[in-house]
Amino acid sequence: MSIQSPAAGWLKAPTGNERLWIGLALVWCLVMSAMMPYWHFRGKQNSTGESYSVRPADFLQRVERFVQTNKVGEEKGVPIVEGTPGGDIYLLAQMWRFYPIIKMKKGQTYRLHLSSPDLEHGFSLQPINMNFQVLPGYDHVLTITPTMSGDFPVICNEFCGIGHHQMTGKLIVVD
């Protein structure tokens, strides 16, 4: 068995509709390339860019200390924790859960610390279009100010294994 060269003249220049579609694809690539820096600087949808290297065990200790000092209730065995306005709140993304449930006040600003001790996870706040990657070994800090009250589900939008479809959490915002 050997590799044979294709017959001479097999490659032909695009014609007609092929040229049109190639041109449209090229124009669309240029539009999208121009939009990336525009949305980065003007879109107001990027994180603050604040993140720190952290040992997973240290972040777990911070989360547990936060839970112990701020617990206000429990739902299905998961602690509900109320953060102090203007202060730091902690959320752990771990196979296959978000821990704890966080309670916040509408109109108040919080510094939400996100990290994972095991795998890359996604933080997707529903129904708001807020998506963020949570990486192990990094403490990502998002400055958030809730503008609506209610219960907001958090789902993992990065495939993280067999229990990924069950990885949910909750943020509660009260007036």
N, C-alpha and C. Protein backbone atom coordinates (compact mmCIF):
# COMPACT_ATOMS: atom_id res chain seq x y z
N MET A 1 0.84 -1.17 0.00
CA MET A 1 0.00 0.00 0.00
C MET A 1 0.89 1.24 0.00
N SER A 2 0.62 2.16 -0.90
CA SER A 2 1.42 3.37 -0.97
C SER A 2 0.52 4.58 -1.11
N ILE A 3 1.08 5.72 -0.79
CA ILE A 3 0.34 6.97 -0.94
C ILE A 3 0.57 7.46 -2.36
N GLN A 4 -0.50 7.78 -3.03
CA GLN A 4 -0.42 8.22 -4.41
C GLN A 4 -0.73 9.71 -4.48
N SER A 5 -0.10 10.39 -5.36
CA SER A 5 -0.38 11.81 -5.60
C SER A 5 -1.71 11.92 -6.33
N PRO A 6 -2.47 12.97 -6.06
CA PRO A 6 -3.72 13.15 -6.82
C PRO A 6 -3.41 13.43 -8.28
N ALA A 7 -4.40 13.18 -9.09
CA ALA A 7 -4.24 13.40 -10.53
C ALA A 7 -4.01 14.88 -10.80
N ALA A 8 -3.26 15.17 -11.81
CA ALA A 8 -2.96 16.55 -12.18
C ALA A 8 -4.26 17.30 -12.50
N GLY A 9 -4.32 18.56 -12.09
CA GLY A 9 -5.47 19.39 -12.38
C GLY A 9 -6.66 19.18 -11.47
N TRP A 10 -6.51 18.48 -10.34
CA TRP A 10 -7.64 18.20 -9.45
C TRP A 10 -8.10 19.45 -8.70
N LEU A 11 -7.18 20.38 -8.42
CA LEU A 11 -7.54 21.59 -7.69
C LEU A 11 -7.90 22.69 -8.68
N LYS A 12 -9.11 23.18 -8.54
CA LYS A 12 -9.58 24.23 -9.43
C LYS A 12 -9.97 25.45 -8.60
N ALA A 13 -9.73 26.62 -9.14
CA ALA A 13 -10.07 27.87 -8.45
C ALA A 13 -11.58 27.94 -8.23
N PRO A 14 -12.01 28.53 -7.10
CA PRO A 14 -13.45 28.65 -6.85
C PRO A 14 -14.12 29.56 -7.89
N THR A 15 -15.36 29.23 -8.18
CA THR A 15 -16.12 30.02 -9.15
C THR A 15 -17.53 30.24 -8.62
N GLY A 16 -18.22 31.21 -9.18
CA GLY A 16 -19.63 31.43 -8.89
C GLY A 16 -19.95 31.58 -7.42
N ASN A 17 -20.88 30.72 -6.94
CA ASN A 17 -21.34 30.79 -5.54
C ASN A 17 -20.23 30.50 -4.54
N GLU A 18 -19.26 29.65 -4.91
CA GLU A 18 -18.15 29.37 -4.00
C GLU A 18 -17.40 30.65 -3.67
N ARG A 19 -17.15 31.48 -4.67
CA ARG A 19 -16.45 32.75 -4.46
C ARG A 19 -17.27 33.66 -3.54
N LEU A 20 -18.57 33.69 -3.74
CA LEU A 20 -19.46 34.51 -2.91
C LEU A 20 -19.37 34.08 -1.44
N TRP A 21 -19.47 32.77 -1.18
CA TRP A 21 -19.44 32.27 0.20
C TRP A 21 -18.07 32.48 0.85
N ILE A 22 -17.03 32.31 0.09
CA ILE A 22 -15.69 32.57 0.64
C ILE A 22 -15.55 34.04 0.99
N GLY A 23 -16.05 34.91 0.13
CA GLY A 23 -16.01 36.35 0.40
C GLY A 23 -16.82 36.73 1.63
N LEU A 24 -18.04 36.16 1.75
CA LEU A 24 -18.86 36.44 2.94
C LEU A 24 -18.17 35.96 4.22
N ALA A 25 -17.56 34.79 4.17
CA ALA A 25 -16.85 34.25 5.34
C ALA A 25 -15.69 35.16 5.72
N LEU A 26 -14.96 35.65 4.74
CA LEU A 26 -13.84 36.55 5.01
C LEU A 26 -14.33 37.86 5.63
N VAL A 27 -15.38 38.44 5.08
CA VAL A 27 -15.94 39.68 5.63
C VAL A 27 -16.41 39.46 7.07
N TRP A 28 -17.09 38.33 7.33
CA TRP A 28 -17.58 38.05 8.68
C TRP A 28 -16.42 37.90 9.66
N CYS A 29 -15.33 37.27 9.24
CA CYS A 29 -14.14 37.15 10.10
C CYS A 29 -13.59 38.53 10.45
N LEU A 30 -13.56 39.43 9.49
CA LEU A 30 -13.06 40.77 9.75
C LEU A 30 -13.98 41.53 10.70
N VAL A 31 -15.29 41.39 10.52
CA VAL A 31 -16.25 42.05 11.42
C VAL A 31 -16.08 41.54 12.84
N MET A 32 -16.00 40.23 13.01
CA MET A 32 -15.85 39.66 14.35
C MET A 32 -14.52 40.05 14.98
N SER A 33 -13.46 40.12 14.19
CA SER A 33 -12.16 40.53 14.71
C SER A 33 -12.21 41.98 15.19
N ALA A 34 -12.94 42.83 14.50
CA ALA A 34 -13.07 44.22 14.92
C ALA A 34 -13.96 44.35 16.15
N MET A 35 -14.95 43.48 16.30
CA MET A 35 -15.88 43.58 17.43
C MET A 35 -15.25 43.12 18.75
N MET A 36 -14.28 42.21 18.71
CA MET A 36 -13.69 41.72 19.96
C MET A 36 -13.09 42.84 20.79
N PRO A 37 -12.20 43.68 20.24
CA PRO A 37 -11.69 44.77 21.09
C PRO A 37 -12.77 45.79 21.47
N TYR A 38 -13.72 46.01 20.57
CA TYR A 38 -14.81 46.94 20.88
C TYR A 38 -15.57 46.47 22.12
N TRP A 39 -16.00 45.19 22.16
CA TRP A 39 -16.75 44.69 23.30
C TRP A 39 -15.90 44.57 24.54
N HIS A 40 -14.61 44.36 24.36
CA HIS A 40 -13.73 44.27 25.52
C HIS A 40 -13.69 45.60 26.27
N PHE A 41 -13.55 46.70 25.52
CA PHE A 41 -13.40 48.01 26.16
C PHE A 41 -14.73 48.72 26.39
N ARG A 42 -15.74 48.49 25.56
CA ARG A 42 -16.99 49.22 25.65
C ARG A 42 -18.17 48.39 26.12
N GLY A 43 -18.03 47.08 26.14
CA GLY A 43 -19.16 46.20 26.44
C GLY A 43 -19.58 46.15 27.88
N LYS A 44 -18.73 46.56 28.80
CA LYS A 44 -19.03 46.54 30.24
C LYS A 44 -19.55 45.17 30.69
N GLN A 45 -18.98 44.11 30.11
CA GLN A 45 -19.40 42.78 30.50
C GLN A 45 -18.22 41.91 30.92
N ASN A 46 -17.06 42.50 31.04
CA ASN A 46 -15.89 41.75 31.46
C ASN A 46 -15.71 41.85 32.96
N SER A 47 -15.07 40.84 33.51
CA SER A 47 -14.81 40.87 34.95
C SER A 47 -13.80 41.96 35.27
N THR A 48 -13.64 42.23 36.54
CA THR A 48 -12.70 43.26 36.97
C THR A 48 -11.27 42.86 36.67
N GLY A 49 -11.06 41.60 36.36
CA GLY A 49 -9.72 41.14 36.07
C GLY A 49 -8.93 40.84 37.32
N GLU A 50 -9.60 40.88 38.45
CA GLU A 50 -8.91 40.65 39.72
C GLU A 50 -8.89 39.16 40.03
N SER A 51 -7.71 38.59 40.10
CA SER A 51 -7.59 37.18 40.49
C SER A 51 -6.23 36.97 41.14
N TYR A 52 -6.20 36.00 42.03
CA TYR A 52 -5.01 35.74 42.82
C TYR A 52 -4.72 34.24 42.82
N SER A 53 -3.47 33.91 42.89
CA SER A 53 -3.09 32.52 43.04
C SER A 53 -3.42 32.08 44.47
N VAL A 54 -4.02 30.90 44.60
CA VAL A 54 -4.41 30.42 45.93
C VAL A 54 -4.27 28.90 45.97
N ARG A 55 -3.82 28.41 47.11
CA ARG A 55 -3.81 26.95 47.29
C ARG A 55 -5.24 26.51 47.56
N PRO A 56 -5.70 25.44 46.91
CA PRO A 56 -7.08 24.99 47.11
C PRO A 56 -7.44 24.78 48.58
N ALA A 57 -6.52 24.23 49.37
CA ALA A 57 -6.81 24.00 50.80
C ALA A 57 -7.04 25.33 51.53
N ASP A 58 -6.30 26.38 51.16
CA ASP A 58 -6.49 27.68 51.79
C ASP A 58 -7.85 28.27 51.44
N PHE A 59 -8.26 28.13 50.17
CA PHE A 59 -9.56 28.66 49.77
C PHE A 59 -10.68 27.90 50.48
N LEU A 60 -10.54 26.58 50.61
CA LEU A 60 -11.54 25.79 51.35
C LEU A 60 -11.68 26.29 52.78
N GLN A 61 -10.57 26.62 53.42
CA GLN A 61 -10.61 27.14 54.78
C GLN A 61 -11.33 28.49 54.84
N ARG A 62 -11.08 29.35 53.85
CA ARG A 62 -11.77 30.65 53.81
C ARG A 62 -13.28 30.46 53.67
N VAL A 63 -13.66 29.53 52.80
CA VAL A 63 -15.09 29.28 52.60
C VAL A 63 -15.72 28.77 53.89
N GLU A 64 -15.08 27.82 54.53
CA GLU A 64 -15.62 27.26 55.78
C GLU A 64 -15.71 28.32 56.88
N ARG A 65 -14.70 29.18 56.97
CA ARG A 65 -14.73 30.27 57.97
C ARG A 65 -15.88 31.23 57.65
N PHE A 66 -16.08 31.53 56.35
CA PHE A 66 -17.18 32.40 55.92
C PHE A 66 -18.53 31.78 56.29
N VAL A 67 -18.67 30.48 56.07
CA VAL A 67 -19.92 29.78 56.40
C VAL A 67 -20.16 29.79 57.90
N GLN A 68 -19.15 29.48 58.68
CA GLN A 68 -19.31 29.41 60.13
C GLN A 68 -19.69 30.75 60.75
N THR A 69 -19.15 31.84 60.21
CA THR A 69 -19.40 33.15 60.83
C THR A 69 -20.63 33.86 60.29
N ASN A 70 -21.18 33.41 59.15
CA ASN A 70 -22.28 34.15 58.51
C ASN A 70 -23.50 33.30 58.19
N LYS A 71 -23.58 32.10 58.71
CA LYS A 71 -24.71 31.21 58.40
C LYS A 71 -26.00 31.75 58.99
N VAL A 72 -27.06 31.80 58.14
CA VAL A 72 -28.36 32.30 58.60
C VAL A 72 -29.46 31.26 58.41
N GLY A 73 -29.15 30.14 57.81
CA GLY A 73 -30.16 29.11 57.58
C GLY A 73 -29.59 27.95 56.82
N GLU A 74 -30.50 27.09 56.37
CA GLU A 74 -30.08 25.89 55.66
C GLU A 74 -31.19 25.48 54.70
N GLU A 75 -30.81 24.98 53.54
CA GLU A 75 -31.78 24.49 52.55
C GLU A 75 -31.26 23.18 51.98
N LYS A 76 -32.01 22.10 52.24
CA LYS A 76 -31.64 20.75 51.77
C LYS A 76 -30.21 20.38 52.16
N GLY A 77 -29.83 20.75 53.38
CA GLY A 77 -28.52 20.41 53.89
C GLY A 77 -27.40 21.36 53.48
N VAL A 78 -27.71 22.35 52.68
CA VAL A 78 -26.70 23.31 52.23
C VAL A 78 -26.88 24.61 53.02
N PRO A 79 -25.82 25.12 53.64
CA PRO A 79 -25.97 26.34 54.43
C PRO A 79 -26.30 27.56 53.57
N ILE A 80 -27.18 28.42 54.10
CA ILE A 80 -27.45 29.72 53.50
C ILE A 80 -26.63 30.73 54.29
N VAL A 81 -25.83 31.50 53.58
CA VAL A 81 -24.89 32.40 54.22
C VAL A 81 -25.14 33.82 53.72
N GLU A 82 -25.26 34.77 54.67
CA GLU A 82 -25.50 36.16 54.29
C GLU A 82 -24.22 36.96 54.47
N GLY A 83 -23.76 37.54 53.37
CA GLY A 83 -22.55 38.34 53.42
C GLY A 83 -22.82 39.75 53.90
N THR A 84 -21.78 40.42 54.32
CA THR A 84 -21.88 41.80 54.76
C THR A 84 -21.76 42.72 53.54
N PRO A 85 -22.71 43.65 53.36
CA PRO A 85 -22.60 44.58 52.22
C PRO A 85 -21.25 45.30 52.22
N GLY A 86 -20.66 45.36 51.04
CA GLY A 86 -19.34 45.98 50.91
C GLY A 86 -18.21 45.02 51.24
N GLY A 87 -18.54 43.82 51.70
CA GLY A 87 -17.53 42.87 52.11
C GLY A 87 -17.31 41.74 51.11
N ASP A 88 -16.56 40.77 51.55
CA ASP A 88 -16.22 39.62 50.74
C ASP A 88 -17.18 38.47 51.01
N ILE A 89 -17.61 37.81 49.93
CA ILE A 89 -18.42 36.60 50.03
C ILE A 89 -17.71 35.52 49.22
N TYR A 90 -17.88 34.27 49.62
CA TYR A 90 -17.12 33.17 49.02
C TYR A 90 -18.07 32.11 48.47
N LEU A 91 -17.75 31.65 47.25
CA LEU A 91 -18.50 30.58 46.62
C LEU A 91 -17.52 29.56 46.06
N LEU A 92 -17.72 28.32 46.44
CA LEU A 92 -16.85 27.23 46.03
C LEU A 92 -17.54 26.41 44.94
N ALA A 93 -16.85 26.21 43.83
CA ALA A 93 -17.33 25.34 42.75
C ALA A 93 -16.54 24.03 42.87
N GLN A 94 -17.26 22.96 43.19
CA GLN A 94 -16.59 21.69 43.45
C GLN A 94 -17.45 20.56 42.90
N MET A 95 -16.80 19.50 42.42
CA MET A 95 -17.58 18.38 41.87
C MET A 95 -18.65 17.99 42.86
N TRP A 96 -19.79 18.00 42.62
CA TRP A 96 -20.63 18.56 41.60
C TRP A 96 -21.65 19.44 42.28
N ARG A 97 -21.16 20.55 42.85
CA ARG A 97 -22.01 21.45 43.61
C ARG A 97 -21.37 22.83 43.70
N PHE A 98 -22.21 23.81 43.99
CA PHE A 98 -21.75 25.13 44.39
C PHE A 98 -22.06 25.24 45.88
N TYR A 99 -21.11 25.74 46.67
CA TYR A 99 -21.25 25.76 48.12
C TYR A 99 -20.74 27.09 48.63
N PRO A 100 -21.45 27.77 49.48
CA PRO A 100 -22.80 27.60 50.01
C PRO A 100 -23.81 28.36 49.14
N ILE A 101 -25.05 28.44 49.63
CA ILE A 101 -26.06 29.32 49.04
C ILE A 101 -25.80 30.71 49.63
N ILE A 102 -25.71 31.71 48.78
CA ILE A 102 -25.36 33.06 49.25
C ILE A 102 -26.59 33.97 49.21
N LYS A 103 -26.77 34.69 50.31
CA LYS A 103 -27.87 35.64 50.43
C LYS A 103 -27.28 37.05 50.44
N MET A 104 -27.85 37.92 49.59
CA MET A 104 -27.35 39.30 49.47
C MET A 104 -28.52 40.28 49.53
N LYS A 105 -28.18 41.56 49.71
CA LYS A 105 -29.20 42.61 49.72
C LYS A 105 -29.15 43.37 48.39
N LYS A 106 -30.34 43.63 47.87
CA LYS A 106 -30.47 44.37 46.61
C LYS A 106 -29.85 45.76 46.74
N GLY A 107 -29.10 46.16 45.72
CA GLY A 107 -28.50 47.48 45.70
C GLY A 107 -27.19 47.60 46.45
N GLN A 108 -26.76 46.55 47.13
CA GLN A 108 -25.50 46.58 47.87
C GLN A 108 -24.40 45.90 47.04
N THR A 109 -23.18 46.36 47.20
CA THR A 109 -22.05 45.81 46.45
C THR A 109 -21.31 44.78 47.29
N TYR A 110 -20.91 43.71 46.63
CA TYR A 110 -20.17 42.62 47.28
C TYR A 110 -18.98 42.24 46.40
N ARG A 111 -17.97 41.67 47.04
CA ARG A 111 -16.84 41.10 46.31
C ARG A 111 -16.99 39.59 46.39
N LEU A 112 -17.40 38.98 45.28
CA LEU A 112 -17.63 37.54 45.22
C LEU A 112 -16.35 36.83 44.83
N HIS A 113 -15.84 35.99 45.73
CA HIS A 113 -14.64 35.20 45.48
C HIS A 113 -15.07 33.82 44.98
N LEU A 114 -14.53 33.41 43.84
CA LEU A 114 -14.84 32.11 43.24
C LEU A 114 -13.56 31.31 43.06
N SER A 115 -13.62 30.03 43.40
CA SER A 115 -12.50 29.14 43.12
C SER A 115 -12.99 27.71 43.12
N SER A 116 -12.09 26.82 42.69
CA SER A 116 -12.39 25.40 42.63
C SER A 116 -11.18 24.63 43.15
N PRO A 117 -11.41 23.60 43.96
CA PRO A 117 -10.27 22.81 44.43
C PRO A 117 -9.92 21.64 43.51
N ASP A 118 -10.77 21.37 42.50
CA ASP A 118 -10.56 20.15 41.74
C ASP A 118 -10.43 20.33 40.23
N LEU A 119 -11.45 20.85 39.57
CA LEU A 119 -11.48 20.94 38.11
C LEU A 119 -11.91 22.33 37.67
N GLU A 120 -11.81 22.57 36.37
CA GLU A 120 -12.37 23.80 35.81
C GLU A 120 -13.89 23.67 35.79
N HIS A 121 -14.55 24.70 36.27
CA HIS A 121 -16.01 24.73 36.28
C HIS A 121 -16.46 26.04 35.63
N GLY A 122 -17.74 26.14 35.35
CA GLY A 122 -18.31 27.37 34.83
C GLY A 122 -19.29 27.94 35.84
N PHE A 123 -19.33 29.26 35.92
CA PHE A 123 -20.28 29.96 36.78
C PHE A 123 -21.22 30.70 35.84
N SER A 124 -22.46 30.25 35.76
CA SER A 124 -23.45 30.88 34.89
C SER A 124 -24.64 31.27 35.76
N LEU A 125 -24.86 32.57 35.90
CA LEU A 125 -25.94 33.08 36.74
C LEU A 125 -27.17 33.29 35.86
N GLN A 126 -28.25 32.61 36.22
CA GLN A 126 -29.48 32.64 35.42
C GLN A 126 -30.54 33.50 36.09
N PRO A 127 -31.37 34.23 35.41
CA PRO A 127 -31.49 34.38 33.96
C PRO A 127 -30.61 35.50 33.42
N ILE A 128 -29.75 36.06 34.26
CA ILE A 128 -28.84 37.10 33.82
C ILE A 128 -27.75 36.45 32.98
N ASN A 129 -27.31 37.11 31.97
CA ASN A 129 -26.27 36.55 31.11
C ASN A 129 -24.90 36.83 31.72
N MET A 130 -24.61 36.15 32.83
CA MET A 130 -23.32 36.31 33.49
C MET A 130 -22.64 34.96 33.49
N ASN A 131 -21.54 34.87 32.77
CA ASN A 131 -20.79 33.62 32.65
C ASN A 131 -19.34 33.87 33.00
N PHE A 132 -18.77 32.93 33.75
CA PHE A 132 -17.38 33.09 34.17
C PHE A 132 -16.75 31.72 34.34
N GLN A 133 -15.49 31.59 33.97
CA GLN A 133 -14.79 30.33 34.18
C GLN A 133 -14.14 30.34 35.57
N VAL A 134 -14.29 29.23 36.27
CA VAL A 134 -13.71 29.08 37.60
C VAL A 134 -12.59 28.06 37.49
N LEU A 135 -11.37 28.51 37.76
CA LEU A 135 -10.20 27.65 37.59
C LEU A 135 -9.61 27.27 38.93
N PRO A 136 -9.18 26.02 39.07
CA PRO A 136 -8.52 25.62 40.32
C PRO A 136 -7.19 26.36 40.49
N GLY A 137 -6.89 26.70 41.72
CA GLY A 137 -5.63 27.39 42.00
C GLY A 137 -5.71 28.90 41.88
N TYR A 138 -6.88 29.43 41.54
CA TYR A 138 -7.05 30.87 41.41
C TYR A 138 -8.28 31.34 42.18
N ASP A 139 -8.13 32.45 42.87
CA ASP A 139 -9.23 33.11 43.56
C ASP A 139 -9.66 34.25 42.65
N HIS A 140 -10.77 34.05 41.94
CA HIS A 140 -11.31 35.07 41.04
C HIS A 140 -12.26 35.95 41.84
N VAL A 141 -12.10 37.26 41.73
CA VAL A 141 -12.93 38.18 42.50
C VAL A 141 -13.79 38.98 41.53
N LEU A 142 -15.10 38.86 41.69
CA LEU A 142 -16.06 39.62 40.87
C LEU A 142 -16.77 40.61 41.78
N THR A 143 -16.76 41.87 41.41
CA THR A 143 -17.50 42.89 42.16
C THR A 143 -18.91 42.94 41.58
N ILE A 144 -19.90 42.62 42.41
CA ILE A 144 -21.28 42.57 41.93
C ILE A 144 -22.19 43.42 42.82
N THR A 145 -23.19 44.00 42.17
CA THR A 145 -24.23 44.77 42.86
C THR A 145 -25.57 44.28 42.33
N PRO A 146 -26.29 43.45 43.10
CA PRO A 146 -27.58 42.95 42.63
C PRO A 146 -28.57 44.09 42.42
N THR A 147 -29.29 44.05 41.29
CA THR A 147 -30.28 45.09 40.97
C THR A 147 -31.71 44.56 41.00
N MET A 148 -31.87 43.25 41.16
CA MET A 148 -33.20 42.64 41.22
C MET A 148 -33.22 41.68 42.41
N SER A 149 -34.38 41.57 43.05
CA SER A 149 -34.49 40.61 44.14
C SER A 149 -35.08 39.31 43.60
N GLY A 150 -34.82 38.22 44.33
CA GLY A 150 -35.33 36.91 43.95
C GLY A 150 -34.28 35.84 44.14
N ASP A 151 -34.64 34.62 43.73
CA ASP A 151 -33.72 33.49 43.78
C ASP A 151 -33.12 33.31 42.39
N PHE A 152 -31.80 33.26 42.31
CA PHE A 152 -31.11 33.16 41.04
C PHE A 152 -30.29 31.87 41.01
N PRO A 153 -30.65 30.93 40.13
CA PRO A 153 -29.88 29.70 40.04
C PRO A 153 -28.52 29.93 39.41
N VAL A 154 -27.55 29.17 39.88
CA VAL A 154 -26.21 29.16 39.32
C VAL A 154 -26.00 27.77 38.75
N ILE A 155 -25.54 27.70 37.51
CA ILE A 155 -25.26 26.39 36.92
C ILE A 155 -23.82 26.36 36.42
N CYS A 156 -23.30 25.17 36.33
CA CYS A 156 -21.96 24.96 35.78
C CYS A 156 -22.11 24.80 34.27
N ASN A 157 -21.40 25.63 33.51
CA ASN A 157 -21.49 25.53 32.06
C ASN A 157 -20.19 25.07 31.42
N GLU A 158 -19.33 24.43 32.20
CA GLU A 158 -18.13 23.78 31.69
C GLU A 158 -18.23 22.31 32.09
N PHE A 159 -18.19 21.42 31.11
CA PHE A 159 -18.35 20.01 31.43
C PHE A 159 -17.27 19.58 32.41
N CYS A 160 -17.69 19.03 33.55
CA CYS A 160 -16.76 18.71 34.63
C CYS A 160 -16.86 17.25 35.09
N GLY A 161 -17.52 16.43 34.32
CA GLY A 161 -17.57 15.02 34.67
C GLY A 161 -18.98 14.48 34.72
N ILE A 162 -19.10 13.28 35.28
CA ILE A 162 -20.35 12.53 35.24
C ILE A 162 -21.50 13.21 35.99
N GLY A 163 -21.22 14.02 37.00
CA GLY A 163 -22.28 14.70 37.75
C GLY A 163 -22.51 16.14 37.31
N HIS A 164 -21.94 16.52 36.17
CA HIS A 164 -22.03 17.90 35.69
C HIS A 164 -23.48 18.40 35.58
N HIS A 165 -24.37 17.55 35.11
CA HIS A 165 -25.76 17.97 34.89
C HIS A 165 -26.48 18.30 36.19
N GLN A 166 -25.94 17.88 37.33
CA GLN A 166 -26.55 18.17 38.62
C GLN A 166 -25.88 19.32 39.36
N MET A 167 -24.86 19.91 38.76
CA MET A 167 -24.09 20.94 39.46
C MET A 167 -24.80 22.29 39.40
N THR A 168 -25.57 22.56 40.45
CA THR A 168 -26.30 23.82 40.54
C THR A 168 -26.07 24.46 41.90
N GLY A 169 -26.36 25.72 41.98
CA GLY A 169 -26.27 26.46 43.24
C GLY A 169 -27.31 27.56 43.21
N LYS A 170 -27.23 28.47 44.18
CA LYS A 170 -28.25 29.53 44.23
C LYS A 170 -27.69 30.77 44.90
N LEU A 171 -28.09 31.91 44.35
CA LEU A 171 -27.87 33.21 45.01
C LEU A 171 -29.27 33.76 45.32
N ILE A 172 -29.43 34.25 46.54
CA ILE A 172 -30.70 34.83 46.97
C ILE A 172 -30.49 36.32 47.18
N VAL A 173 -31.33 37.12 46.55
CA VAL A 173 -31.24 38.57 46.71
C VAL A 173 -32.55 39.05 47.33
N VAL A 174 -32.41 39.77 48.46
CA VAL A 174 -33.59 40.27 49.18
C VAL A 174 -33.57 41.80 49.16
N ASP A 175 -34.76 42.40 49.32
CA ASP A 175 -34.88 43.87 49.36
C ASP A 175 -34.32 44.42 50.65
